[in-house]
All heavy atoms as atom14 arrays in JSON, in Angstrom:
{
  "sequence": "GIIGALNYLSSKGVNSVYFLVMNVQGDGNDVFPLNDIDERYRFDCSK",
  "atom14_mask": [
    [1, 1, 1, 1, 0, 0, 0, 0, 0, 0, 0, 0, 0, 0],
    [1, 1, 1, 1, 1, 1, 1, 1, 0, 0, 0, 0, 0, 0],
    [1, 1, 1, 1, 1, 1, 1, 1, 0, 0, 0, 0, 0, 0],
    [1, 1, 1, 1, 0, 0, 0, 0, 0, 0, 0, 0, 0, 0],
    [1, 1, 1, 1, 1, 0, 0, 0, 0, 0, 0, 0, 0, 0],
    [1, 1, 1, 1, 1, 1, 1, 1, 0, 0, 0, 0, 0, 0],
    [1, 1, 1, 1, 1, 1, 1, 1, 0, 0, 0, 0, 0, 0],
    [1, 1, 1, 1, 1, 1, 1, 1, 1, 1, 1, 1, 0, 0],
    [1, 1, 1, 1, 1, 1, 1, 1, 0, 0, 0, 0, 0, 0],
    [1, 1, 1, 1, 1, 1, 0, 0, 0, 0, 0, 0, 0, 0],
    [1, 1, 1, 1, 1, 1, 0, 0, 0, 0, 0, 0, 0, 0],
    [1, 1, 1, 1, 1, 1, 1, 1, 1, 0, 0, 0, 0, 0],
    [1, 1, 1, 1, 0, 0, 0, 0, 0, 0, 0, 0, 0, 0],
    [1, 1, 1, 1, 1, 1, 1, 0, 0, 0, 0, 0, 0, 0],
    [1, 1, 1, 1, 1, 1, 1, 1, 0, 0, 0, 0, 0, 0],
    [1, 1, 1, 1, 1, 1, 0, 0, 0, 0, 0, 0, 0, 0],
    [1, 1, 1, 1, 1, 1, 1, 0, 0, 0, 0, 0, 0, 0],
    [1, 1, 1, 1, 1, 1, 1, 1, 1, 1, 1, 1, 0, 0],
    [1, 1, 1, 1, 1, 1, 1, 1, 1, 1, 1, 0, 0, 0],
    [1, 1, 1, 1, 1, 1, 1, 1, 0, 0, 0, 0, 0, 0],
    [1, 1, 1, 1, 1, 1, 1, 0, 0, 0, 0, 0, 0, 0],
    [1, 1, 1, 1, 1, 1, 1, 1, 0, 0, 0, 0, 0, 0],
    [1, 1, 1, 1, 1, 1, 1, 1, 0, 0, 0, 0, 0, 0],
    [1, 1, 1, 1, 1, 1, 1, 0, 0, 0, 0, 0, 0, 0],
    [1, 1, 1, 1, 1, 1, 1, 1, 1, 0, 0, 0, 0, 0],
    [1, 1, 1, 1, 0, 0, 0, 0, 0, 0, 0, 0, 0, 0],
    [1, 1, 1, 1, 1, 1, 1, 1, 0, 0, 0, 0, 0, 0],
    [1, 1, 1, 1, 0, 0, 0, 0, 0, 0, 0, 0, 0, 0],
    [1, 1, 1, 1, 1, 1, 1, 1, 0, 0, 0, 0, 0, 0],
    [1, 1, 1, 1, 1, 1, 1, 1, 0, 0, 0, 0, 0, 0],
    [1, 1, 1, 1, 1, 1, 1, 0, 0, 0, 0, 0, 0, 0],
    [1, 1, 1, 1, 1, 1, 1, 1, 1, 1, 1, 0, 0, 0],
    [1, 1, 1, 1, 1, 1, 1, 0, 0, 0, 0, 0, 0, 0],
    [1, 1, 1, 1, 1, 1, 1, 1, 0, 0, 0, 0, 0, 0],
    [1, 1, 1, 1, 1, 1, 1, 1, 0, 0, 0, 0, 0, 0],
    [1, 1, 1, 1, 1, 1, 1, 1, 0, 0, 0, 0, 0, 0],
    [1, 1, 1, 1, 1, 1, 1, 1, 0, 0, 0, 0, 0, 0],
    [1, 1, 1, 1, 1, 1, 1, 1, 0, 0, 0, 0, 0, 0],
    [1, 1, 1, 1, 1, 1, 1, 1, 1, 0, 0, 0, 0, 0],
    [1, 1, 1, 1, 1, 1, 1, 1, 1, 1, 1, 0, 0, 0],
    [1, 1, 1, 1, 1, 1, 1, 1, 1, 1, 1, 1, 0, 0],
    [1, 1, 1, 1, 1, 1, 1, 1, 1, 1, 1, 0, 0, 0],
    [1, 1, 1, 1, 1, 1, 1, 1, 1, 1, 1, 0, 0, 0],
    [1, 1, 1, 1, 1, 1, 1, 1, 0, 0, 0, 0, 0, 0],
    [1, 1, 1, 1, 1, 1, 0, 0, 0, 0, 0, 0, 0, 0],
    [1, 1, 1, 1, 1, 1, 0, 0, 0, 0, 0, 0, 0, 0],
    [1, 1, 1, 1, 1, 1, 1, 1, 1, 0, 0, 0, 0, 0]
  ],
  "atom14_positions": [
    [[32.97, 68.5, -46.35], [32.63, 68.48, -44.93], [32.55, 67.07, -44.38], [33.15, 66.76, -43.34], [0.0, 0.0, 0.0], [0.0, 0.0, 0.0], [0.0, 0.0, 0.0], [0.0, 0.0, 0.0], [0.0, 0.0, 0.0], [0.0, 0.0, 0.0], [0.0, 0.0, 0.0], [0.0, 0.0, 0.0], [0.0, 0.0, 0.0], [0.0, 0.0, 0.0]],
    [[31.81, 66.19, -45.04], [31.63, 64.84, -44.53], [32.9, 64.0, -44.66], [33.23, 63.21, -43.77], [30.41, 64.15, -45.2], [29.99, 62.92, -44.4], [30.68, 63.82, -46.66], [28.64, 62.34, -44.83], [0.0, 0.0, 0.0], [0.0, 0.0, 0.0], [0.0, 0.0, 0.0], [0.0, 0.0, 0.0], [0.0, 0.0, 0.0], [0.0, 0.0, 0.0]],
    [[33.65, 64.2, -45.75], [34.93, 63.5, -45.9], [35.91, 63.99, -44.85], [36.65, 63.2, -44.23], [35.49, 63.7, -47.32], [34.58, 63.05, -48.37], [36.91, 63.14, -47.42], [34.49, 61.55, -48.29], [0.0, 0.0, 0.0], [0.0, 0.0, 0.0], [0.0, 0.0, 0.0], [0.0, 0.0, 0.0], [0.0, 0.0, 0.0], [0.0, 0.0, 0.0]],
    [[35.93, 65.3, -44.6], [36.81, 65.84, -43.58], [36.47, 65.32, -42.19], [37.37, 65.05, -41.38], [0.0, 0.0, 0.0], [0.0, 0.0, 0.0], [0.0, 0.0, 0.0], [0.0, 0.0, 0.0], [0.0, 0.0, 0.0], [0.0, 0.0, 0.0], [0.0, 0.0, 0.0], [0.0, 0.0, 0.0], [0.0, 0.0, 0.0], [0.0, 0.0, 0.0]],
    [[35.17, 65.16, -41.91], [34.75, 64.61, -40.62], [35.29, 63.2, -40.43], [35.78, 62.84, -39.34], [33.23, 64.63, -40.51], [0.0, 0.0, 0.0], [0.0, 0.0, 0.0], [0.0, 0.0, 0.0], [0.0, 0.0, 0.0], [0.0, 0.0, 0.0], [0.0, 0.0, 0.0], [0.0, 0.0, 0.0], [0.0, 0.0, 0.0], [0.0, 0.0, 0.0]],
    [[35.23, 62.39, -41.47], [35.76, 61.03, -41.39], [37.28, 61.05, -41.23], [37.84, 60.24, -40.47], [35.36, 60.25, -42.64], [33.86, 59.98, -42.81], [33.57, 59.39, -44.18], [33.34, 59.07, -41.71], [0.0, 0.0, 0.0], [0.0, 0.0, 0.0], [0.0, 0.0, 0.0], [0.0, 0.0, 0.0], [0.0, 0.0, 0.0], [0.0, 0.0, 0.0]],
    [[37.94, 61.95, -41.93], [39.4, 62.09, -41.78], [39.76, 62.39, -40.33], [40.71, 61.82, -39.77], [39.93, 63.21, -42.67], [39.97, 62.83, -44.14], [39.77, 61.68, -44.51], [40.22, 63.82, -44.99], [0.0, 0.0, 0.0], [0.0, 0.0, 0.0], [0.0, 0.0, 0.0], [0.0, 0.0, 0.0], [0.0, 0.0, 0.0], [0.0, 0.0, 0.0]],
    [[39.0, 63.3, -39.72], [39.28, 63.66, -38.33], [39.09, 62.45, -37.41], [39.96, 62.16, -36.56], [38.38, 64.81, -37.87], [38.49, 65.04, -36.38], [39.58, 65.71, -35.85], [37.51, 64.55, -35.51], [39.71, 65.88, -34.46], [37.62, 64.73, -34.13], [38.72, 65.4, -33.62], [38.85, 65.56, -32.26], [0.0, 0.0, 0.0], [0.0, 0.0, 0.0]],
    [[37.98, 61.76, -37.55], [37.73, 60.61, -36.68], [38.82, 59.56, -36.82], [39.31, 59.01, -35.82], [36.36, 60.02, -37.0], [35.15, 60.87, -36.59], [33.86, 60.28, -37.15], [35.06, 60.99, -35.07], [0.0, 0.0, 0.0], [0.0, 0.0, 0.0], [0.0, 0.0, 0.0], [0.0, 0.0, 0.0], [0.0, 0.0, 0.0], [0.0, 0.0, 0.0]],
    [[39.23, 59.28, -38.04], [40.29, 58.3, -38.25], [41.59, 58.77, -37.61], [42.33, 57.96, -37.02], [40.49, 58.07, -39.75], [41.56, 57.17, -39.99], [0.0, 0.0, 0.0], [0.0, 0.0, 0.0], [0.0, 0.0, 0.0], [0.0, 0.0, 0.0], [0.0, 0.0, 0.0], [0.0, 0.0, 0.0], [0.0, 0.0, 0.0], [0.0, 0.0, 0.0]],
    [[41.89, 60.07, -37.68], [43.13, 60.59, -37.09], [43.15, 60.44, -35.58], [44.21, 60.43, -34.96], [43.3, 62.06, -37.47], [42.43, 62.91, -36.71], [0.0, 0.0, 0.0], [0.0, 0.0, 0.0], [0.0, 0.0, 0.0], [0.0, 0.0, 0.0], [0.0, 0.0, 0.0], [0.0, 0.0, 0.0], [0.0, 0.0, 0.0], [0.0, 0.0, 0.0]],
    [[41.95, 60.32, -34.96], [41.85, 60.14, -33.51], [41.8, 58.68, -33.1], [41.6, 58.36, -31.92], [40.61, 60.86, -32.98], [40.61, 62.36, -33.24], [41.7, 63.08, -32.47], [41.36, 63.22, -31.0], [42.36, 64.04, -30.27], [0.0, 0.0, 0.0], [0.0, 0.0, 0.0], [0.0, 0.0, 0.0], [0.0, 0.0, 0.0], [0.0, 0.0, 0.0]],
    [[41.97, 57.77, -34.05], [41.97, 56.35, -33.74], [40.61, 55.7, -33.79], [40.48, 54.5, -33.5], [0.0, 0.0, 0.0], [0.0, 0.0, 0.0], [0.0, 0.0, 0.0], [0.0, 0.0, 0.0], [0.0, 0.0, 0.0], [0.0, 0.0, 0.0], [0.0, 0.0, 0.0], [0.0, 0.0, 0.0], [0.0, 0.0, 0.0], [0.0, 0.0, 0.0]],
    [[39.57, 56.45, -34.16], [38.23, 55.86, -34.31], [38.26, 54.87, -35.46], [38.89, 55.12, -36.5], [37.2, 56.98, -34.56], [35.84, 56.41, -34.93], [37.09, 57.89, -33.34], [0.0, 0.0, 0.0], [0.0, 0.0, 0.0], [0.0, 0.0, 0.0], [0.0, 0.0, 0.0], [0.0, 0.0, 0.0], [0.0, 0.0, 0.0], [0.0, 0.0, 0.0]],
    [[37.58, 53.72, -35.31], [37.59, 52.74, -36.39], [36.2, 52.22, -36.77], [36.07, 51.2, -37.44], [38.51, 51.56, -36.04], [38.07, 50.78, -34.82], [36.97, 50.98, -34.29], [38.93, 49.88, -34.35], [0.0, 0.0, 0.0], [0.0, 0.0, 0.0], [0.0, 0.0, 0.0], [0.0, 0.0, 0.0], [0.0, 0.0, 0.0], [0.0, 0.0, 0.0]],
    [[35.15, 52.96, -36.36], [33.8, 52.56, -36.74], [32.88, 53.77, -36.65], [33.04, 54.61, -35.76], [33.29, 51.46, -35.79], [31.96, 51.08, -36.1], [0.0, 0.0, 0.0], [0.0, 0.0, 0.0], [0.0, 0.0, 0.0], [0.0, 0.0, 0.0], [0.0, 0.0, 0.0], [0.0, 0.0, 0.0], [0.0, 0.0, 0.0], [0.0, 0.0, 0.0]],
    [[31.92, 53.85, -37.58], [30.93, 54.93, -37.57], [29.55, 54.32, -37.8], [29.33, 53.58, -38.75], [31.22, 55.98, -38.66], [30.12, 57.04, -38.7], [32.57, 56.64, -38.41], [0.0, 0.0, 0.0], [0.0, 0.0, 0.0], [0.0, 0.0, 0.0], [0.0, 0.0, 0.0], [0.0, 0.0, 0.0], [0.0, 0.0, 0.0], [0.0, 0.0, 0.0]],
    [[28.64, 54.65, -36.89], [27.26, 54.14, -36.87], [26.36, 55.12, -37.62], [26.43, 56.33, -37.41], [26.87, 54.04, -35.4], [25.45, 53.72, -35.01], [25.15, 52.5, -34.4], [24.42, 54.65, -35.13], [23.87, 52.21, -33.94], [23.14, 54.37, -34.69], [22.86, 53.15, -34.1], [21.6, 52.88, -33.65], [0.0, 0.0, 0.0], [0.0, 0.0, 0.0]],
    [[25.49, 54.61, -38.49], [24.56, 55.5, -39.2], [23.36, 54.72, -39.71], [23.46, 53.55, -40.09], [25.25, 56.22, -40.36], [25.98, 55.3, -41.32], [25.32, 54.67, -42.35], [27.34, 55.07, -41.16], [25.98, 53.83, -43.23], [28.02, 54.22, -42.04], [27.33, 53.61, -43.07], [0.0, 0.0, 0.0], [0.0, 0.0, 0.0], [0.0, 0.0, 0.0]],
    [[22.22, 55.37, -39.69], [21.0, 54.83, -40.29], [21.01, 55.07, -41.79], [21.46, 56.12, -42.27], [19.78, 55.51, -39.68], [19.41, 55.11, -38.24], [18.63, 56.23, -37.57], [18.61, 53.82, -38.23], [0.0, 0.0, 0.0], [0.0, 0.0, 0.0], [0.0, 0.0, 0.0], [0.0, 0.0, 0.0], [0.0, 0.0, 0.0], [0.0, 0.0, 0.0]],
    [[20.48, 54.11, -42.54], [20.27, 54.31, -43.98], [18.8, 54.49, -44.32], [18.45, 54.74, -45.47], [20.86, 53.14, -44.81], [22.38, 53.16, -44.75], [20.3, 51.79, -44.37], [0.0, 0.0, 0.0], [0.0, 0.0, 0.0], [0.0, 0.0, 0.0], [0.0, 0.0, 0.0], [0.0, 0.0, 0.0], [0.0, 0.0, 0.0], [0.0, 0.0, 0.0]],
    [[17.92, 54.35, -43.29], [16.49, 54.56, -43.5], [15.88, 55.01, -42.18], [15.71, 54.2, -41.26], [15.82, 53.27, -43.98], [14.29, 53.36, -44.05], [13.68, 54.32, -45.44], [13.41, 52.99, -46.6], [0.0, 0.0, 0.0], [0.0, 0.0, 0.0], [0.0, 0.0, 0.0], [0.0, 0.0, 0.0], [0.0, 0.0, 0.0], [0.0, 0.0, 0.0]],
    [[15.59, 56.3, -42.06], [14.95, 56.77, -40.83], [13.64, 57.5, -41.12], [13.19, 58.32, -40.32], [15.9, 57.65, -40.0], [16.2, 58.99, -40.64], [15.68, 59.33, -41.7], [17.04, 59.78, -40.0], [0.0, 0.0, 0.0], [0.0, 0.0, 0.0], [0.0, 0.0, 0.0], [0.0, 0.0, 0.0], [0.0, 0.0, 0.0], [0.0, 0.0, 0.0]],
    [[13.01, 57.17, -42.24], [11.7, 57.74, -42.56], [10.72, 57.4, -41.44], [10.65, 56.25, -40.99], [11.18, 57.19, -43.91], [9.76, 57.67, -44.18], [12.11, 57.62, -45.04], [0.0, 0.0, 0.0], [0.0, 0.0, 0.0], [0.0, 0.0, 0.0], [0.0, 0.0, 0.0], [0.0, 0.0, 0.0], [0.0, 0.0, 0.0], [0.0, 0.0, 0.0]],
    [[10.01, 58.41, -40.97], [9.09, 58.3, -39.83], [9.81, 58.05, -38.51], [9.17, 57.74, -37.51], [8.02, 57.23, -40.07], [7.13, 57.52, -41.27], [6.06, 56.46, -41.51], [5.85, 55.58, -40.67], [5.4, 56.53, -42.64], [0.0, 0.0, 0.0], [0.0, 0.0, 0.0], [0.0, 0.0, 0.0], [0.0, 0.0, 0.0], [0.0, 0.0, 0.0]],
    [[11.12, 58.23, -38.51], [11.88, 58.06, -37.29], [12.25, 59.4, -36.67], [11.69, 60.45, -37.02], [0.0, 0.0, 0.0], [0.0, 0.0, 0.0], [0.0, 0.0, 0.0], [0.0, 0.0, 0.0], [0.0, 0.0, 0.0], [0.0, 0.0, 0.0], [0.0, 0.0, 0.0], [0.0, 0.0, 0.0], [0.0, 0.0, 0.0], [0.0, 0.0, 0.0]],
    [[13.24, 59.4, -35.79], [13.61, 60.61, -35.07], [14.06, 61.73, -36.0], [13.69, 62.89, -35.81], [14.74, 60.29, -34.07], [14.26, 59.41, -32.93], [13.05, 59.41, -32.65], [15.1, 58.7, -32.35], [0.0, 0.0, 0.0], [0.0, 0.0, 0.0], [0.0, 0.0, 0.0], [0.0, 0.0, 0.0], [0.0, 0.0, 0.0], [0.0, 0.0, 0.0]],
    [[14.87, 61.38, -36.99], [15.37, 62.41, -37.9], [14.5, 62.63, -39.12], [14.35, 63.76, -39.6], [0.0, 0.0, 0.0], [0.0, 0.0, 0.0], [0.0, 0.0, 0.0], [0.0, 0.0, 0.0], [0.0, 0.0, 0.0], [0.0, 0.0, 0.0], [0.0, 0.0, 0.0], [0.0, 0.0, 0.0], [0.0, 0.0, 0.0], [0.0, 0.0, 0.0]],
    [[13.93, 61.56, -39.65], [13.1, 61.61, -40.85], [13.82, 62.35, -41.99], [13.23, 63.15, -42.7], [11.76, 62.31, -40.55], [10.68, 62.0, -41.58], [10.59, 60.87, -42.07], [9.87, 62.98, -41.92], [0.0, 0.0, 0.0], [0.0, 0.0, 0.0], [0.0, 0.0, 0.0], [0.0, 0.0, 0.0], [0.0, 0.0, 0.0], [0.0, 0.0, 0.0]],
    [[15.11, 62.03, -42.17], [15.91, 62.79, -43.12], [16.91, 61.94, -43.92], [17.67, 62.47, -44.71], [16.67, 63.92, -42.39], [17.39, 63.45, -41.13], [17.6, 62.23, -40.98], [17.72, 64.3, -40.28], [0.0, 0.0, 0.0], [0.0, 0.0, 0.0], [0.0, 0.0, 0.0], [0.0, 0.0, 0.0], [0.0, 0.0, 0.0], [0.0, 0.0, 0.0]],
    [[16.91, 60.62, -43.7], [17.81, 59.74, -44.44], [17.0, 58.63, -45.09], [16.26, 57.92, -44.4], [18.88, 59.11, -43.52], [19.75, 58.13, -44.31], [19.75, 60.19, -42.87], [0.0, 0.0, 0.0], [0.0, 0.0, 0.0], [0.0, 0.0, 0.0], [0.0, 0.0, 0.0], [0.0, 0.0, 0.0], [0.0, 0.0, 0.0], [0.0, 0.0, 0.0]],
    [[17.12, 58.51, -46.41], [16.41, 57.45, -47.12], [17.12, 57.2, -48.44], [17.55, 58.14, -49.11], [14.94, 57.82, -47.35], [14.73, 59.22, -47.89], [14.62, 59.45, -49.25], [14.65, 60.3, -47.03], [14.44, 60.74, -49.74], [14.47, 61.59, -47.5], [14.36, 61.81, -48.86], [0.0, 0.0, 0.0], [0.0, 0.0, 0.0], [0.0, 0.0, 0.0]],
    [[17.27, 55.93, -48.85], [17.94, 55.62, -50.11], [17.03, 55.71, -51.32], [17.49, 55.56, -52.46], [18.4, 54.17, -49.89], [17.35, 53.59, -49.0], [16.93, 54.72, -48.09], [0.0, 0.0, 0.0], [0.0, 0.0, 0.0], [0.0, 0.0, 0.0], [0.0, 0.0, 0.0], [0.0, 0.0, 0.0], [0.0, 0.0, 0.0], [0.0, 0.0, 0.0]],
    [[15.76, 55.92, -51.09], [14.75, 55.93, -52.15], [14.7, 57.3, -52.83], [15.22, 58.29, -52.31], [13.4, 55.57, -51.55], [13.42, 54.18, -50.86], [12.46, 54.14, -49.7], [13.14, 53.09, -51.87], [0.0, 0.0, 0.0], [0.0, 0.0, 0.0], [0.0, 0.0, 0.0], [0.0, 0.0, 0.0], [0.0, 0.0, 0.0], [0.0, 0.0, 0.0]],
    [[14.07, 57.35, -54.01], [14.09, 58.61, -54.75], [13.02, 59.6, -54.3], [12.91, 60.69, -54.83], [14.0, 58.36, -56.26], [12.67, 57.77, -56.7], [11.78, 57.54, -55.88], [12.54, 57.5, -57.99], [0.0, 0.0, 0.0], [0.0, 0.0, 0.0], [0.0, 0.0, 0.0], [0.0, 0.0, 0.0], [0.0, 0.0, 0.0], [0.0, 0.0, 0.0]],
    [[12.26, 59.21, -53.27], [11.31, 60.12, -52.65], [11.03, 59.59, -51.25], [11.03, 58.37, -51.02], [10.01, 60.2, -53.46], [9.07, 61.27, -52.92], [9.19, 62.43, -53.34], [8.22, 60.94, -52.06], [0.0, 0.0, 0.0], [0.0, 0.0, 0.0], [0.0, 0.0, 0.0], [0.0, 0.0, 0.0], [0.0, 0.0, 0.0], [0.0, 0.0, 0.0]],
    [[10.77, 60.48, -50.33], [10.56, 60.06, -48.95], [9.33, 59.16, -48.79], [9.23, 58.37, -47.86], [10.47, 61.3, -48.02], [10.69, 60.89, -46.55], [9.13, 62.03, -48.21], [10.91, 62.05, -45.63], [0.0, 0.0, 0.0], [0.0, 0.0, 0.0], [0.0, 0.0, 0.0], [0.0, 0.0, 0.0], [0.0, 0.0, 0.0], [0.0, 0.0, 0.0]],
    [[8.39, 59.25, -49.73], [7.19, 58.42, -49.68], [7.25, 57.22, -50.62], [6.29, 56.45, -50.71], [5.96, 59.27, -50.04], [5.7, 60.37, -49.03], [5.84, 60.1, -47.82], [5.38, 61.5, -49.44], [0.0, 0.0, 0.0], [0.0, 0.0, 0.0], [0.0, 0.0, 0.0], [0.0, 0.0, 0.0], [0.0, 0.0, 0.0], [0.0, 0.0, 0.0]],
    [[8.38, 57.03, -51.3], [8.55, 55.91, -52.24], [9.04, 54.68, -51.48], [9.73, 54.78, -50.47], [9.56, 56.31, -53.33], [9.91, 55.22, -54.33], [8.71, 54.74, -55.11], [8.14, 55.51, -55.89], [8.34, 53.56, -54.9], [0.0, 0.0, 0.0], [0.0, 0.0, 0.0], [0.0, 0.0, 0.0], [0.0, 0.0, 0.0], [0.0, 0.0, 0.0]],
    [[8.67, 53.49, -51.99], [9.12, 52.26, -51.34], [9.73, 51.27, -52.34], [10.24, 50.23, -51.91], [7.94, 51.57, -50.62], [7.29, 52.44, -49.54], [8.2, 52.68, -48.35], [7.57, 53.56, -47.38], [7.76, 54.88, -47.3], [8.61, 55.48, -48.14], [7.13, 55.6, -46.39], [0.0, 0.0, 0.0], [0.0, 0.0, 0.0], [0.0, 0.0, 0.0]],
    [[9.69, 51.57, -53.64], [10.12, 50.58, -54.64], [11.18, 51.12, -55.6], [11.63, 50.37, -56.47], [8.92, 50.11, -55.47], [7.83, 49.45, -54.67], [6.72, 50.17, -54.24], [7.91, 48.1, -54.33], [5.7, 49.56, -53.51], [6.9, 47.49, -53.6], [5.8, 48.23, -53.19], [4.79, 47.62, -52.46], [0.0, 0.0, 0.0], [0.0, 0.0, 0.0]],
    [[11.59, 52.38, -55.48], [12.52, 52.98, -56.44], [13.58, 53.77, -55.7], [13.26, 54.57, -54.82], [11.76, 53.86, -57.44], [10.85, 53.06, -58.35], [9.79, 53.89, -59.06], [8.9, 53.03, -59.81], [7.88, 52.35, -59.28], [7.61, 52.48, -58.0], [7.14, 51.56, -60.04], [0.0, 0.0, 0.0], [0.0, 0.0, 0.0], [0.0, 0.0, 0.0]],
    [[14.82, 53.56, -56.09], [15.95, 54.12, -55.36], [16.55, 55.32, -56.09], [16.32, 55.53, -57.28], [17.0, 53.03, -55.12], [16.49, 51.94, -54.23], [15.76, 50.87, -54.75], [16.7, 51.98, -52.86], [15.27, 49.87, -53.93], [16.22, 50.99, -52.02], [15.49, 49.93, -52.55], [0.0, 0.0, 0.0], [0.0, 0.0, 0.0], [0.0, 0.0, 0.0]],
    [[17.33, 56.1, -55.36], [17.95, 57.3, -55.88], [19.39, 56.97, -56.3], [20.28, 56.88, -55.46], [17.94, 58.39, -54.81], [18.36, 59.75, -55.33], [19.34, 59.81, -56.09], [17.7, 60.76, -54.99], [0.0, 0.0, 0.0], [0.0, 0.0, 0.0], [0.0, 0.0, 0.0], [0.0, 0.0, 0.0], [0.0, 0.0, 0.0], [0.0, 0.0, 0.0]],
    [[19.6, 56.81, -57.59], [20.91, 56.34, -58.09], [22.03, 57.32, -57.76], [23.11, 56.9, -57.34], [20.85, 56.11, -59.6], [19.8, 54.73, -60.1], [0.0, 0.0, 0.0], [0.0, 0.0, 0.0], [0.0, 0.0, 0.0], [0.0, 0.0, 0.0], [0.0, 0.0, 0.0], [0.0, 0.0, 0.0], [0.0, 0.0, 0.0], [0.0, 0.0, 0.0]],
    [[21.8, 58.61, -57.94], [22.88, 59.56, -57.71], [23.22, 59.68, -56.23], [24.39, 59.74, -55.85], [22.52, 60.93, -58.3], [21.39, 61.49, -57.66], [0.0, 0.0, 0.0], [0.0, 0.0, 0.0], [0.0, 0.0, 0.0], [0.0, 0.0, 0.0], [0.0, 0.0, 0.0], [0.0, 0.0, 0.0], [0.0, 0.0, 0.0], [0.0, 0.0, 0.0]],
    [[22.2, 59.71, -55.38], [22.47, 59.78, -53.94], [23.26, 58.55, -53.48], [24.24, 58.67, -52.73], [21.17, 59.86, -53.15], [21.37, 59.95, -51.64], [20.11, 59.64, -50.86], [19.0, 60.62, -51.11], [17.85, 60.42, -50.19], [0.0, 0.0, 0.0], [0.0, 0.0, 0.0], [0.0, 0.0, 0.0], [0.0, 0.0, 0.0], [0.0, 0.0, 0.0]]
  ]
}
């Protein structure tokens, strides 16, 4: 799904995509590179 979305945007001439890598306590509260939403010192290697 996400790869296909990027394929579509590129096919339309789009050349940039904006995204948050940390929105904990923000509007979405759903994107974080850490291994837990309450963690601040350890990251999620597989993600």
